[in-house]
Structures are given as C-alpha cells and as structure tokens.
C-alpha cells in the first residue's frame, strides 16, 4: 500500500464509519513503515490522523509516528493555519504529549 493509497483507505473507512479493528491495525502498521511515513504530505498526514480519531481508534505507535513526521522540517512549514490547529487538536485528543510538537504547530498556525 502506498502513502496515497493508505490515506484513501483511511479516509473511506472514516467517511463510511467502518471500524474493522484488525484492518485498522494493519493499516497503522503499514503507515509507520519508514518508506510510507516519509512520503506523507501534510494533507495525507492530517487525513490519516483525523480518520483514526473520528473512528475512535487509538493507535499509540501510529500517532507518535505521525507526530514525529509532522515535526519534520520538510513538512512542518507546509501546514496552513487550519491544518495546524486541527492536527494539534487531534494529537491532544489522542493523548500525544509532545510540547515541542505543539509549539511548532502553534508557530505554523500563527505564520499566516
């Protein structure tokens, strides 16, 4: 599964409110693989995080990996203010406690 394919599947499951825990775990395991994680752009990262959050499916390794990817220099400054605010909300709601991430997202949110 490619980064884009993964994003599309999570988005579809979230829109249809399909929660298959086993499949969501498989997708999460694929999402945290370095080859997929490195290819996630800002929109895809947000859609995956939002999809898992809307389904109420908490996967700590996935959320921590997405949080780390969000802080990557090539990605962090591509978030628009709304994306940064939404991502910060999702990460807080999903239990991520990374103050450096939240500070960086606040800066991204205030840039515009």
Foldseek 3Di string as FASTA:
>chain_A
DALVVLLVVLLVCQVVLPCDPVVLVVSLVVCLPVRRVLPDALVSLLSNLVSCVSNVNADPVSLVSSLVSCPDPVHVLVDELVSLVSNLVSSVVSPNDDVVSNVSSVCSNPVD
